[in-house]
PDB file of N, CA and C in Angstrom:
ATOM      1  N   MET A   1       0.850  -1.171   0.000  1.00  0.00           N
ATOM      2  CA  MET A   1       0.000   0.000   0.000  1.00  0.00           C
ATOM      3  C   MET A   1       0.901   1.242   0.000  1.00  0.00           C
ATOM      4  N   SER A   2       0.632   2.180  -0.897  1.00  0.00           N
ATOM      5  CA  SER A   2       1.468   3.371  -1.007  1.00  0.00           C
ATOM      6  C   SER A   2       1.228   4.322   0.163  1.00  0.00           C
ATOM      7  N   THR A   3       2.148   5.243   0.343  1.00  0.00           N
ATOM      8  CA  THR A   3       2.027   6.242   1.405  1.00  0.00           C
ATOM      9  C   THR A   3       0.762   7.075   1.209  1.00  0.00           C
ATOM     10  N   ALA A   4       0.477   7.442  -0.034  1.00  0.00           N
ATOM     11  CA  ALA A   4      -0.719   8.234  -0.323  1.00  0.00           C
ATOM     12  C   ALA A   4      -1.987   7.450   0.019  1.00  0.00           C
ATOM     13  N   THR A   5      -2.007   6.177  -0.296  1.00  0.00           N
ATOM     14  CA  THR A   5      -3.170   5.341   0.002  1.00  0.00           C
ATOM     15  C   THR A   5      -3.348   5.202   1.514  1.00  0.00           C
ATOM     16  N   GLN A   6      -2.246   5.037   2.230  1.00  0.00           N
ATOM     17  CA  GLN A   6      -2.319   4.949   3.692  1.00  0.00           C
ATOM     18  C   GLN A   6      -2.841   6.248   4.296  1.00  0.00           C
ATOM     19  N   GLY A   7      -2.367   7.378   3.767  1.00  0.00           N
ATOM     20  CA  GLY A   7      -2.827   8.681   4.251  1.00  0.00           C
ATOM     21  C   GLY A   7      -4.307   8.879   4.001  1.00  0.00           C
ATOM     22  N   ARG A   8      -4.761   8.507   2.830  1.00  0.00           N
ATOM     23  CA  ARG A   8      -6.180   8.613   2.496  1.00  0.00           C
ATOM     24  C   ARG A   8      -7.016   7.742   3.434  1.00  0.00           C
ATOM     25  N   ALA A   9      -6.540   6.533   3.695  1.00  0.00           N
ATOM     26  CA  ALA A   9      -7.262   5.624   4.589  1.00  0.00           C
ATOM     27  C   ALA A   9      -7.364   6.215   5.995  1.00  0.00           C
ATOM     28  N   ARG A  10      -6.271   6.824   6.477  1.00  0.00           N
ATOM     29  CA  ARG A  10      -6.313   7.465   7.799  1.00  0.00           C
ATOM     30  C   ARG A  10      -7.315   8.613   7.815  1.00  0.00           C
ATOM     31  N   GLU A  11      -7.308   9.438   6.768  1.00  0.00           N
ATOM     32  CA  GLU A  11      -8.247  10.569   6.694  1.00  0.00           C
ATOM     33  C   GLU A  11      -9.688  10.080   6.705  1.00  0.00           C
ATOM     34  N   HIS A  12      -9.971   9.033   5.963  1.00  0.00           N
ATOM     35  CA  HIS A  12     -11.330   8.497   5.926  1.00  0.00           C
ATOM     36  C   HIS A  12     -11.720   7.890   7.271  1.00  0.00           C
ATOM     37  N   LYS A  13     -10.786   7.253   7.931  1.00  0.00           N
ATOM     38  CA  LYS A  13     -11.073   6.683   9.249  1.00  0.00           C
ATOM     39  C   LYS A  13     -11.427   7.786  10.242  1.00  0.00           C
ATOM     40  N   VAL A  14     -10.655   8.867  10.238  1.00  0.00           N
ATOM     41  CA  VAL A  14     -10.931   9.999  11.132  1.00  0.00           C
ATOM     42  C   VAL A  14     -12.264  10.643  10.759  1.00  0.00           C
ATOM     43  N   ARG A  15     -12.477  10.882   9.475  1.00  0.00           N
ATOM     44  CA  ARG A  15     -13.738  11.476   9.010  1.00  0.00           C
ATOM     45  C   ARG A  15     -14.928  10.653   9.473  1.00  0.00           C
ATOM     46  N   ASP A  16     -14.862   9.347   9.287  1.00  0.00           N
ATOM     47  CA  ASP A  16     -15.978   8.478   9.657  1.00  0.00           C
ATOM     48  C   ASP A  16     -16.182   8.449  11.176  1.00  0.00           C
ATOM     49  N   HIS A  17     -15.091   8.447  11.925  1.00  0.00           N
ATOM     50  CA  HIS A  17     -15.193   8.452  13.390  1.00  0.00           C
ATOM     51  C   HIS A  17     -15.859   9.738  13.880  1.00  0.00           C
ATOM     52  N   LEU A  18     -15.441  10.866  13.310  1.00  0.00           N
ATOM     53  CA  LEU A  18     -16.034  12.139  13.706  1.00  0.00           C
ATOM     54  C   LEU A  18     -17.502  12.223  13.269  1.00  0.00           C
ATOM     55  N   ALA A  19     -17.811  11.691  12.099  1.00  0.00           N
ATOM     56  CA  ALA A  19     -19.204  11.680  11.630  1.00  0.00           C
ATOM     57  C   ALA A  19     -20.086  10.866  12.577  1.00  0.00           C
ATOM     58  N   ASP A  20     -19.535   9.788  13.112  1.00  0.00           N
ATOM     59  CA  ASP A  20     -20.276   8.974  14.082  1.00  0.00           C
ATOM     60  C   ASP A  20     -20.554   9.744  15.378  1.00  0.00           C
ATOM     61  N   HIS A  21     -19.799  10.818  15.609  1.00  0.00           N
ATOM     62  CA  HIS A  21     -19.979  11.644  16.802  1.00  0.00           C
ATOM     63  C   HIS A  21     -20.684  12.970  16.494  1.00  0.00           C
ATOM     64  N   GLY A  22     -21.358  13.042  15.360  1.00  0.00           N
ATOM     65  CA  GLY A  22     -22.183  14.206  15.048  1.00  0.00           C
ATOM     66  C   GLY A  22     -21.545  15.289  14.202  1.00  0.00           C
ATOM     67  N   TRP A  23     -20.307  15.093  13.777  1.00  0.00           N
ATOM     68  CA  TRP A  23     -19.639  16.073  12.926  1.00  0.00           C
ATOM     69  C   TRP A  23     -19.950  15.759  11.468  1.00  0.00           C
ATOM     70  N   GLU A  24     -20.303  16.770  10.706  1.00  0.00           N
ATOM     71  CA  GLU A  24     -20.633  16.587   9.293  1.00  0.00           C
ATOM     72  C   GLU A  24     -19.434  16.961   8.428  1.00  0.00           C
ATOM     73  N   PRO A  25     -18.964  16.026   7.597  1.00  0.00           N
ATOM     74  CA  PRO A  25     -17.831  16.335   6.715  1.00  0.00           C
ATOM     75  C   PRO A  25     -18.196  17.436   5.722  1.00  0.00           C
ATOM     76  N   ILE A  26     -17.338  18.437   5.619  1.00  0.00           N
ATOM     77  CA  ILE A  26     -17.540  19.543   4.680  1.00  0.00           C
ATOM     78  C   ILE A  26     -16.604  19.392   3.489  1.00  0.00           C
ATOM     79  N   MET A  27     -15.313  19.149   3.770  1.00  0.00           N
ATOM     80  CA  MET A  27     -14.347  18.994   2.685  1.00  0.00           C
ATOM     81  C   MET A  27     -13.115  18.228   3.142  1.00  0.00           C
ATOM     82  N   ARG A  28     -12.424  17.676   2.144  1.00  0.00           N
ATOM     83  CA  ARG A  28     -11.150  16.990   2.366  1.00  0.00           C
ATOM     84  C   ARG A  28     -10.156  17.570   1.380  1.00  0.00           C
ATOM     85  N   ALA A  29      -8.977  17.938   1.864  1.00  0.00           N
ATOM     86  CA  ALA A  29      -7.917  18.450   0.990  1.00  0.00           C
ATOM     87  C   ALA A  29      -7.009  17.279   0.628  1.00  0.00           C
ATOM     88  N   ALA A  30      -7.214  16.726  -0.544  1.00  0.00           N
ATOM     89  CA  ALA A  30      -6.443  15.564  -0.977  1.00  0.00           C
ATOM     90  C   ALA A  30      -4.985  15.933  -1.245  1.00  0.00           C
ATOM     91  N   ALA A  31      -4.114  14.959  -1.097  1.00  0.00           N
ATOM     92  CA  ALA A  31      -2.682  15.090  -1.417  1.00  0.00           C
ATOM     93  C   ALA A  31      -1.997  16.169  -0.591  1.00  0.00           C
ATOM     94  N   SER A  32      -2.436  16.349   0.639  1.00  0.00           N
ATOM     95  CA  SER A  32      -1.811  17.303   1.565  1.00  0.00           C
ATOM     96  C   SER A  32      -1.766  18.726   1.016  1.00  0.00           C
ATOM     97  N   LYS A  33      -2.779  19.114   0.318  1.00  0.00           N
ATOM     98  CA  LYS A  33      -2.880  20.491  -0.170  1.00  0.00           C
ATOM     99  C   LYS A  33      -3.507  21.339   0.931  1.00  0.00           C
ATOM    100  N   GLY A  34      -2.961  22.490   1.181  1.00  0.00           N
ATOM    101  CA  GLY A  34      -3.524  23.380   2.184  1.00  0.00           C
ATOM    102  C   GLY A  34      -3.020  23.069   3.584  1.00  0.00           C
ATOM    103  N   PRO A  35      -3.453  23.867   4.551  1.00  0.00           N
ATOM    104  CA  PRO A  35      -2.954  23.732   5.919  1.00  0.00           C
ATOM    105  C   PRO A  35      -3.583  22.590   6.711  1.00  0.00           C
ATOM    106  N   ALA A  36      -4.692  22.027   6.225  1.00  0.00           N
ATOM    107  CA  ALA A  36      -5.387  20.968   6.968  1.00  0.00           C
ATOM    108  C   ALA A  36      -5.882  19.903   6.007  1.00  0.00           C
ATOM    109  N   ASP A  37      -6.234  18.746   6.572  1.00  0.00           N
ATOM    110  CA  ASP A  37      -6.731  17.643   5.755  1.00  0.00           C
ATOM    111  C   ASP A  37      -8.247  17.602   5.670  1.00  0.00           C
ATOM    112  N   LEU A  38      -8.916  17.948   6.770  1.00  0.00           N
ATOM    113  CA  LEU A  38     -10.374  17.846   6.830  1.00  0.00           C
ATOM    114  C   LEU A  38     -10.988  19.095   7.451  1.00  0.00           C
ATOM    115  N   LEU A  39     -12.176  19.425   6.988  1.00  0.00           N
ATOM    116  CA  LEU A  39     -13.007  20.453   7.605  1.00  0.00           C
ATOM    117  C   LEU A  39     -14.356  19.810   7.861  1.00  0.00           C
ATOM    118  N   LEU A  40     -14.807  19.884   9.109  1.00  0.00           N
ATOM    119  CA  LEU A  40     -16.097  19.324   9.489  1.00  0.00           C
ATOM    120  C   LEU A  40     -16.891  20.379  10.233  1.00  0.00           C
ATOM    121  N   GLY A  41     -18.197  20.204  10.281  1.00  0.00           N
ATOM    122  CA  GLY A  41     -19.046  21.140  10.996  1.00  0.00           C
ATOM    123  C   GLY A  41     -20.041  20.413  11.874  1.00  0.00           C
ATOM    124  N   CYS A  42     -20.460  21.081  12.924  1.00  0.00           N
ATOM    125  CA  CYS A  42     -21.448  20.547  13.852  1.00  0.00           C
ATOM    126  C   CYS A  42     -22.404  21.682  14.202  1.00  0.00           C
ATOM    127  N   PRO A  43     -23.716  21.435  14.171  1.00  0.00           N
ATOM    128  CA  PRO A  43     -24.661  22.520  14.449  1.00  0.00           C
ATOM    129  C   PRO A  43     -24.532  23.083  15.865  1.00  0.00           C
ATOM    130  N   PHE A  44     -23.958  22.328  16.783  1.00  0.00           N
ATOM    131  CA  PHE A  44     -23.846  22.783  18.170  1.00  0.00           C
ATOM    132  C   PHE A  44     -22.450  23.255  18.545  1.00  0.00           C
ATOM    133  N   ARG A  45     -21.444  22.770  17.815  1.00  0.00           N
ATOM    134  CA  ARG A  45     -20.058  23.063  18.199  1.00  0.00           C
ATOM    135  C   ARG A  45     -19.294  23.882  17.171  1.00  0.00           C
ATOM    136  N   GLY A  46     -19.863  24.127  16.006  1.00  0.00           N
ATOM    137  CA  GLY A  46     -19.205  24.945  14.993  1.00  0.00           C
ATOM    138  C   GLY A  46     -18.323  24.154  14.061  1.00  0.00           C
ATOM    139  N   ALA A  47     -17.193  24.755  13.690  1.00  0.00           N
ATOM    140  CA  ALA A  47     -16.295  24.167  12.702  1.00  0.00           C
ATOM    141  C   ALA A  47     -15.100  23.487  13.373  1.00  0.00           C
ATOM    142  N   LEU A  48     -14.606  22.460  12.700  1.00  0.00           N
ATOM    143  CA  LEU A  48     -13.457  21.694  13.177  1.00  0.00           C
ATOM    144  C   LEU A  48     -12.482  21.539  12.016  1.00  0.00           C
ATOM    145  N   LEU A  49     -11.259  22.009  12.195  1.00  0.00           N
ATOM    146  CA  LEU A  49     -10.219  21.878  11.190  1.00  0.00           C
ATOM    147  C   LEU A  49      -9.252  20.806  11.690  1.00  0.00           C
ATOM    148  N   VAL A  50      -9.015  19.787  10.862  1.00  0.00           N
ATOM    149  CA  VAL A  50      -8.273  18.620  11.325  1.00  0.00           C
ATOM    150  C   VAL A  50      -7.060  18.347  10.444  1.00  0.00           C
ATOM    151  N   GLN A  51      -5.936  18.140  11.095  1.00  0.00           N
ATOM    152  CA  GLN A  51      -4.723  17.645  10.455  1.00  0.00           C
ATOM    153  C   GLN A  51      -4.607  16.181  10.886  1.00  0.00           C
ATOM    154  N   VAL A  52      -4.528  15.270   9.924  1.00  0.00           N
ATOM    155  CA  VAL A  52      -4.513  13.829  10.207  1.00  0.00           C
ATOM    156  C   VAL A  52      -3.110  13.288   9.989  1.00  0.00           C
ATOM    157  N   GLY A  53      -2.690  12.392  10.875  1.00  0.00           N
ATOM    158  CA  GLY A  53      -1.380  11.797  10.706  1.00  0.00           C
ATOM    159  C   GLY A  53      -1.257  10.464  11.398  1.00  0.00           C
ATOM    160  N   SER A  54      -0.073   9.882  11.232  1.00  0.00           N
ATOM    161  CA  SER A  54       0.247   8.630  11.916  1.00  0.00           C
ATOM    162  C   SER A  54       0.931   8.972  13.231  1.00  0.00           C
ATOM    163  N   ARG A  55       1.371   7.982  13.907  1.00  0.00           N
ATOM    164  CA  ARG A  55       2.028   8.160  15.213  1.00  0.00           C
ATOM    165  C   ARG A  55       3.207   9.113  15.144  1.00  0.00           C
ATOM    166  N   THR A  56       3.872   9.200  14.009  1.00  0.00           N
ATOM    167  CA  THR A  56       5.065  10.041  13.879  1.00  0.00           C
ATOM    168  C   THR A  56       4.766  11.441  13.341  1.00  0.00           C
ATOM    169  N   LYS A  57       3.501  11.798  13.185  1.00  0.00           N
ATOM    170  CA  LYS A  57       3.127  13.100  12.628  1.00  0.00           C
ATOM    171  C   LYS A  57       3.564  14.224  13.554  1.00  0.00           C
ATOM    172  N   THR A  58       4.225  15.220  12.983  1.00  0.00           N
ATOM    173  CA  THR A  58       4.603  16.411  13.741  1.00  0.00           C
ATOM    174  C   THR A  58       4.166  17.639  12.972  1.00  0.00           C
ATOM    175  N   LEU A  59       3.914  18.693  13.691  1.00  0.00           N
ATOM    176  CA  LEU A  59       3.629  19.988  13.082  1.00  0.00           C
ATOM    177  C   LEU A  59       4.747  20.924  13.522  1.00  0.00           C
ATOM    178  N   GLY A  60       5.648  21.216  12.615  1.00  0.00           N
ATOM    179  CA  GLY A  60       6.732  22.146  12.928  1.00  0.00           C
ATOM    180  C   GLY A  60       6.180  23.550  13.130  1.00  0.00           C
ATOM    181  N   PRO A  61       6.994  24.466  13.592  1.00  0.00           N
ATOM    182  CA  PRO A  61       6.520  25.821  13.873  1.00  0.00           C
ATOM    183  C   PRO A  61       5.823  26.503  12.687  1.00  0.00           C
ATOM    184  N   ALA A  62       6.374  26.375  11.496  1.00  0.00           N
ATOM    185  CA  ALA A  62       5.767  27.026  10.331  1.00  0.00           C
ATOM    186  C   ALA A  62       4.432  26.375   9.966  1.00  0.00           C
ATOM    187  N   ASP A  63       4.383  25.035   9.948  1.00  0.00           N
ATOM    188  CA  ASP A  63       3.133  24.325   9.641  1.00  0.00           C
ATOM    189  C   ASP A  63       2.082  24.609  10.707  1.00  0.00           C
ATOM    190  N   ARG A  64       2.507  24.661  11.961  1.00  0.00           N
ATOM    191  CA  ARG A  64       1.586  24.936  13.066  1.00  0.00           C
ATOM    192  C   ARG A  64       1.011  26.341  12.937  1.00  0.00           C
ATOM    193  N   ALA A  65       1.847  27.317  12.624  1.00  0.00           N
ATOM    194  CA  ALA A  65       1.372  28.699  12.460  1.00  0.00           C
ATOM    195  C   ALA A  65       0.373  28.791  11.310  1.00  0.00           C
ATOM    196  N   ARG A  66       0.662  28.133  10.211  1.00  0.00           N
ATOM    197  CA  ARG A  66      -0.238  28.129   9.044  1.00  0.00           C
ATOM    198  C   ARG A  66      -1.578  27.473   9.393  1.00  0.00           C
ATOM    199  N   PHE A  67      -1.511  26.355  10.105  1.00  0.00           N
ATOM    200  CA  PHE A  67      -2.705  25.620  10.521  1.00  0.00           C
ATOM    201  C   PHE A  67      -3.555  26.465  11.489  1.00  0.00           C
ATOM    202  N   LEU A  68      -2.908  27.069  12.475  1.00  0.00           N
ATOM    203  CA  LEU A  68      -3.636  27.896  13.448  1.00  0.00           C
ATOM    204  C   LEU A  68      -4.225  29.146  12.794  1.00  0.00           C
ATOM    205  N   HIS A  69      -3.504  29.725  11.852  1.00  0.00           N
ATOM    206  CA  HIS A  69      -4.021  30.897  11.132  1.00  0.00           C
ATOM    207  C   HIS A  69      -5.284  30.524  10.346  1.00  0.00           C
ATOM    208  N   ALA A  70      -5.246  29.394   9.658  1.00  0.00           N
ATOM    209  CA  ALA A  70      -6.419  28.950   8.894  1.00  0.00           C
ATOM    210  C   ALA A  70      -7.608  28.696   9.821  1.00  0.00           C
ATOM    211  N   ALA A  71      -7.365  28.045  10.953  1.00  0.00           N
ATOM    212  CA  ALA A  71      -8.441  27.776  11.917  1.00  0.00           C
ATOM    213  C   ALA A  71      -9.021  29.076  12.450  1.00  0.00           C
ATOM    214  N   ASP A  72      -8.166  30.037  12.723  1.00  0.00           N
ATOM    215  CA  ASP A  72      -8.622  31.335  13.222  1.00  0.00           C
ATOM    216  C   ASP A  72      -9.472  32.062  12.176  1.00  0.00           C
ATOM    217  N   LEU A  73      -9.070  31.995  10.922  1.00  0.00           N
ATOM    218  CA  LEU A  73      -9.809  32.663   9.848  1.00  0.00           C
ATOM    219  C   LEU A  73     -11.252  32.188   9.735  1.00  0.00           C
ATOM    220  N   ILE A  74     -11.469  30.902  10.001  1.00  0.00           N
ATOM    221  CA  ILE A  74     -12.820  30.350   9.854  1.00  0.00           C
ATOM    222  C   ILE A  74     -13.470  30.014  11.193  1.00  0.00           C
ATOM    223  N   SER A  75     -12.866  30.483  12.282  1.00  0.00           N
ATOM    224  CA  SER A  75     -13.382  30.237  13.637  1.00  0.00           C
ATOM    225  C   SER A  75     -13.590  28.744  13.905  1.00  0.00           C
ATOM    226  N   ALA A  76     -12.571  27.965  13.557  1.00  0.00           N
ATOM    227  CA  ALA A  76     -12.635  26.513  13.735  1.00  0.00           C
ATOM    228  C   ALA A  76     -11.730  26.076  14.883  1.00  0.00           C
ATOM    229  N   VAL A  77     -12.054  24.955  15.464  1.00  0.00           N
ATOM    230  CA  VAL A  77     -11.204  24.332  16.472  1.00  0.00           C
ATOM    231  C   VAL A  77     -10.101  23.580  15.719  1.00  0.00           C
ATOM    232  N   PRO A  78      -8.820  23.873  15.991  1.00  0.00           N
ATOM    233  CA  PRO A  78      -7.723  23.176  15.314  1.00  0.00           C
ATOM    234  C   PRO A  78      -7.340  21.896  16.057  1.00  0.00           C
ATOM    235  N   VAL A  79      -7.420  20.767  15.363  1.00  0.00           N
ATOM    236  CA  VAL A  79      -7.182  19.474  16.004  1.00  0.00           C
ATOM    237  C   VAL A  79      -6.222  18.623  15.177  1.00  0.00           C
ATOM    238  N   LEU A  80      -5.298  17.979  15.878  1.00  0.00           N
ATOM    239  CA  LEU A  80      -4.429  16.982  15.267  1.00  0.00           C
ATOM    240  C   LEU A  80      -4.999  15.617  15.623  1.00  0.00           C
ATOM    241  N   ALA A  81      -5.320  14.817  14.611  1.00  0.00           N
ATOM    242  CA  ALA A  81      -5.842  13.462  14.821  1.00  0.00           C
ATOM    243  C   ALA A  81      -4.755  12.469  14.442  1.00  0.00           C
ATOM    244  N   THR A  82      -4.315  11.694  15.416  1.00  0.00           N
ATOM    245  CA  THR A  82      -3.275  10.697  15.192  1.00  0.00           C
ATOM    246  C   THR A  82      -3.908   9.316  15.199  1.00  0.00           C
ATOM    247  N   VAL A  83      -3.781   8.600  14.078  1.00  0.00           N
ATOM    248  CA  VAL A  83      -4.336   7.260  13.961  1.00  0.00           C
ATOM    249  C   VAL A  83      -3.263   6.270  14.400  1.00  0.00           C
ATOM    250  N   ILE A  84      -3.568   5.522  15.466  1.00  0.00           N
ATOM    251  CA  ILE A  84      -2.626   4.561  16.023  1.00  0.00           C
ATOM    252  C   ILE A  84      -3.176   3.157  15.775  1.00  0.00           C
ATOM    253  N   PRO A  85      -2.462   2.351  14.975  1.00  0.00           N
ATOM    254  CA  PRO A  85      -2.963   1.002  14.671  1.00  0.00           C
ATOM    255  C   PRO A  85      -3.308   0.197  15.923  1.00  0.00           C
ATOM    256  N   TYR A  86      -4.433  -0.452  15.876  1.00  0.00           N
ATOM    257  CA  TYR A  86      -4.951  -1.324  16.941  1.00  0.00           C
ATOM    258  C   TYR A  86      -5.313  -0.591  18.227  1.00  0.00           C
ATOM    259  N   LYS A  87      -5.167   0.731  18.249  1.00  0.00           N
ATOM    260  CA  LYS A  87      -5.503   1.486  19.451  1.00  0.00           C
ATOM    261  C   LYS A  87      -6.554   2.549  19.189  1.00  0.00           C
ATOM    262  N   GLY A  88      -6.716   2.961  17.952  1.00  0.00           N
ATOM    263  CA  GLY A  88      -7.721   3.963  17.634  1.00  0.00           C
ATOM    264  C   GLY A  88      -7.132   5.308  17.249  1.00  0.00           C
ATOM    265  N   ILE A  89      -7.873   6.355  17.564  1.00  0.00           N
ATOM    266  CA  ILE A  89      -7.505   7.702  17.156  1.00  0.00           C
ATOM    267  C   ILE A  89      -7.319   8.566  18.404  1.00  0.00           C
ATOM    268  N   LYS A  90      -6.228   9.292  18.423  1.00  0.00           N
ATOM    269  CA  LYS A  90      -5.960  10.224  19.522  1.00  0.00           C
ATOM    270  C   LYS A  90      -6.107  11.633  18.958  1.00  0.00           C
ATOM    271  N   TYR A  91      -6.878  12.462  19.649  1.00  0.00           N
ATOM    272  CA  TYR A  91      -7.106  13.835  19.214  1.00  0.00           C
ATOM    273  C   TYR A  91      -6.439  14.806  20.186  1.00  0.00           C
ATOM    274  N   LEU A  92      -5.733  15.789  19.635  1.00  0.00           N
ATOM    275  CA  LEU A  92      -5.129  16.842  20.433  1.00  0.00           C
ATOM    276  C   LEU A  92      -5.548  18.194  19.877  1.00  0.00           C
ATOM    277  N   ARG A  93      -5.886  19.110  20.767  1.00  0.00           N
ATOM    278  CA  ARG A  93      -6.222  20.465  20.340  1.00  0.00           C
ATOM    279  C   ARG A  93      -4.916  21.234  20.179  1.00  0.00           C
ATOM    280  N   VAL A  94      -4.659  21.682  18.977  1.00  0.00           N
ATOM    281  CA  VAL A  94      -3.407  22.356  18.652  1.00  0.00           C
ATOM    282  C   VAL A  94      -3.469  23.806  19.125  1.00  0.00           C
ATOM    283  N   ASP A  95      -2.378  24.254  19.740  1.00  0.00           N
ATOM    284  CA  ASP A  95      -2.255  25.674  20.085  1.00  0.00           C
ATOM    285  C   ASP A  95      -0.826  26.105  19.787  1.00  0.00           C
ATOM    286  N   ALA A  96      -0.485  27.331  20.092  1.00  0.00           N
ATOM    287  CA  ALA A  96       0.836  27.866  19.769  1.00  0.00           C
ATOM    288  C   ALA A  96       1.936  27.307  20.668  1.00  0.00           C
ATOM    289  N   GLY A  97       1.571  26.640  21.739  1.00  0.00           N
ATOM    290  CA  GLY A  97       2.560  26.072  22.651  1.00  0.00           C
ATOM    291  C   GLY A  97       3.230  24.844  22.082  1.00  0.00           C
ATOM    292  N   THR A  98       4.093  24.242  22.886  1.00  0.00           N
ATOM    293  CA  THR A  98       4.810  23.051  22.442  1.00  0.00           C
ATOM    294  C   THR A  98       3.853  21.859  22.346  1.00  0.00           C
ATOM    295  N   PRO A  99       4.062  20.983  21.364  1.00  0.00           N
ATOM    296  CA  PRO A  99       3.163  19.849  21.160  1.00  0.00           C
ATOM    297  C   PRO A  99       2.964  18.978  22.399  1.00  0.00           C
ATOM    298  N   GLY A 100       3.970  18.830  23.225  1.00  0.00           N
ATOM    299  CA  GLY A 100       3.849  18.002  24.420  1.00  0.00           C
ATOM    300  C   GLY A 100       2.845  18.543  25.439  1.00  0.00           C
ATOM    301  N   LYS A 101       2.460  19.802  25.279  1.00  0.00           N
ATOM    302  CA  LYS A 101       1.519  20.420  26.225  1.00  0.00           C
ATOM    303  C   LYS A 101       0.113  20.610  25.631  1.00  0.00           C
ATOM    304  N   TRP A 102      -0.107  20.114  24.411  1.00  0.00           N
ATOM    305  CA  TRP A 102      -1.430  20.236  23.818  1.00  0.00           C
ATOM    306  C   TRP A 102      -2.421  19.375  24.591  1.00  0.00           C
ATOM    307  N   ALA A 103      -3.612  19.913  24.787  1.00  0.00           N
ATOM    308  CA  ALA A 103      -4.651  19.203  25.528  1.00  0.00           C
ATOM    309  C   ALA A 103      -5.325  18.146  24.648  1.00  0.00           C
ATOM    310  N   GLU A 104      -5.713  17.050  25.271  1.00  0.00           N
ATOM    311  CA  GLU A 104      -6.506  16.057  24.536  1.00  0.00           C
ATOM    312  C   GLU A 104      -7.854  16.666  24.222  1.00  0.00           C
ATOM    313  N   TRP A 105      -8.426  16.227  23.115  1.00  0.00           N
ATOM    314  CA  TRP A 105      -9.711  16.732  22.653  1.00  0.00           C
ATOM    315  C   TRP A 105     -10.590  15.524  22.362  1.00  0.00           C
ATOM    316  N   THR A 106     -11.875  15.628  22.691  1.00  0.00           N
ATOM    317  CA  THR A 106     -12.802  14.530  22.396  1.00  0.00           C
ATOM    318  C   THR A 106     -13.898  15.018  21.468  1.00  0.00           C
ATOM    319  N   PRO A 107     -14.273  14.161  20.524  1.00  0.00           N
ATOM    320  CA  PRO A 107     -15.316  14.557  19.571  1.00  0.00           C
ATOM    321  C   PRO A 107     -16.656  14.682  20.227  1.00  0.00           C
TER     322      PRO A 107
END
């Protein structure tokens, strides 16, 4: 399975998991175009901007700034979704601080 196929599968897994929790998929940025992978909406919670990755996914300072700027522009919650094989999905709310201090987020 190619890296692109694996990435797509992770994005779909996160999208489907969030949809099961009431989030409606709005768009997916294929091939890592743009600052985020998914945009979802919820009538009660607003917009959610999601960057999807594997266990080794990192957001460097420049990528993090771009991601947070995009989330701010559309008043969305910025979330990093890490897909961990056999364990599920871990969600972290991204902020300007160091990644080790990001708070867990639940759908």
